[in-house]
Amino acid sequence: MTYIFKYKKDGALFAKKIAISGHNYEENQDKMVLYLPNGGLKEIANWKCHAVELGTDWMLTVKKIMEDETNQKIQLNINKNKQGT
C-alpha cells in the first residue's frame, strides 16, 4: 500500500508531496528515509528542519498492517471525507 508523504522545510513557501510505501526517521543521522513503491529510497537530510503532514491514507495503511499482523479487524474512529487541520 502507498500513501502520500507531504513535507516542508522550515521557512519554505511550498510543501513537497511524494507517494511512498513507508518511512523511517534515523535519529542518529537526523534524516528521514522514504521507501518508494518501486523499491527505491529517498533520504531527507536535516529532518529537524522539516515538518510533515500525513493524511487518512497513512492511517489506513497502518491499520491494514496491524490487521495483517494480528489477523483481527481493527476499528478506527476517523472520517475519510474530513480534511485534517
Protein backbone atom coordinates (compact mmCIF):
# COMPACT_ATOMS: atom_id res chain seq x y z
CA MET A 1 0.00 0.00 0.00
CA THR A 2 1.13 3.52 -0.64
CA TYR A 3 0.33 6.85 0.96
CA ILE A 4 1.19 10.49 0.43
CA PHE A 5 4.07 11.94 2.46
CA LYS A 6 3.79 15.74 2.41
CA TYR A 7 6.72 17.64 3.88
CA LYS A 8 8.06 21.16 4.03
CA LYS A 9 11.35 22.67 5.11
CA ASP A 10 11.12 25.41 7.75
CA GLY A 11 10.67 28.75 6.00
CA ALA A 12 9.75 27.23 2.62
CA LEU A 13 6.68 28.52 0.84
CA PHE A 14 5.59 25.24 -0.71
CA ALA A 15 5.38 21.69 0.53
CA LYS A 16 6.56 18.68 -1.47
CA LYS A 17 4.45 15.55 -1.88
CA ILE A 18 5.60 12.05 -2.70
CA ALA A 19 3.82 8.70 -2.83
CA ILE A 20 5.68 6.22 -0.64
CA SER A 21 5.23 2.76 0.82
CA GLY A 22 6.89 3.54 4.17
CA HIS A 23 9.13 5.91 6.09
CA ASN A 24 11.57 5.83 8.98
CA TYR A 25 13.39 8.53 10.95
CA GLU A 26 17.10 7.85 11.53
CA GLU A 27 17.68 9.90 14.68
CA ASN A 28 21.45 9.36 14.88
CA GLN A 29 21.83 10.89 11.38
CA ASP A 30 18.86 13.31 11.58
CA LYS A 31 17.40 12.10 8.30
CA MET A 32 14.05 10.79 7.13
CA VAL A 33 14.22 7.73 4.91
CA LEU A 34 11.34 7.31 2.46
CA TYR A 35 10.67 3.90 0.92
CA LEU A 36 9.41 4.24 -2.64
CA PRO A 37 6.86 1.87 -4.19
CA ASN A 38 9.38 0.80 -6.85
CA GLY A 39 11.82 -0.40 -4.18
CA GLY A 40 13.96 2.73 -4.17
CA LEU A 41 14.84 5.09 -1.33
CA LYS A 42 14.81 8.84 -0.85
CA GLU A 43 16.55 10.49 2.08
CA ILE A 44 15.75 13.91 3.50
CA ALA A 45 18.73 15.31 5.44
CA ASN A 46 18.44 17.69 8.40
CA TRP A 47 14.97 16.39 9.21
CA LYS A 48 14.70 18.53 12.35
CA CYS A 49 14.31 21.50 9.99
CA HIS A 50 11.22 19.96 8.34
CA ALA A 51 7.56 19.36 9.10
CA VAL A 52 5.38 16.52 7.82
CA GLU A 53 1.67 16.08 7.15
CA LEU A 54 0.24 12.58 6.91
CA GLY A 55 -3.37 12.05 5.94
CA THR A 56 -6.05 9.43 6.31
CA ASP A 57 -4.36 7.30 3.63
CA TRP A 58 -1.41 6.84 6.00
CA MET A 59 -3.68 5.83 8.89
CA LEU A 60 -5.48 3.31 6.68
CA THR A 61 -2.10 1.85 5.65
CA VAL A 62 -1.08 1.48 9.31
CA LYS A 63 -4.47 -0.09 10.07
CA LYS A 64 -4.03 -2.65 7.27
CA ILE A 65 -0.54 -3.56 8.52
CA MET A 66 -1.86 -4.00 12.08
CA GLU A 67 -4.74 -6.16 10.85
CA ASP A 68 -2.36 -8.33 8.81
CA GLU A 69 -0.03 -8.76 11.80
CA THR A 70 -2.77 -9.57 14.33
CA ASN A 71 -5.22 -11.32 11.99
CA GLN A 72 -8.01 -9.22 13.55
CA LYS A 73 -10.19 -6.35 12.36
CA ILE A 74 -9.31 -3.02 13.95
CA GLN A 75 -11.86 -0.23 14.38
CA LEU A 76 -10.73 3.36 13.90
CA ASN A 77 -12.75 6.45 14.65
CA ILE A 78 -11.80 8.55 11.60
CA ASN A 79 -13.82 10.30 8.93
CA LYS A 80 -12.29 9.64 5.49
CA ASN A 81 -14.08 12.66 4.00
CA LYS A 82 -12.92 15.22 6.58
CA GLN A 83 -9.75 17.18 5.85
CA GLY A 84 -7.14 17.46 8.62
CA THR A 85 -6.12 20.77 10.08
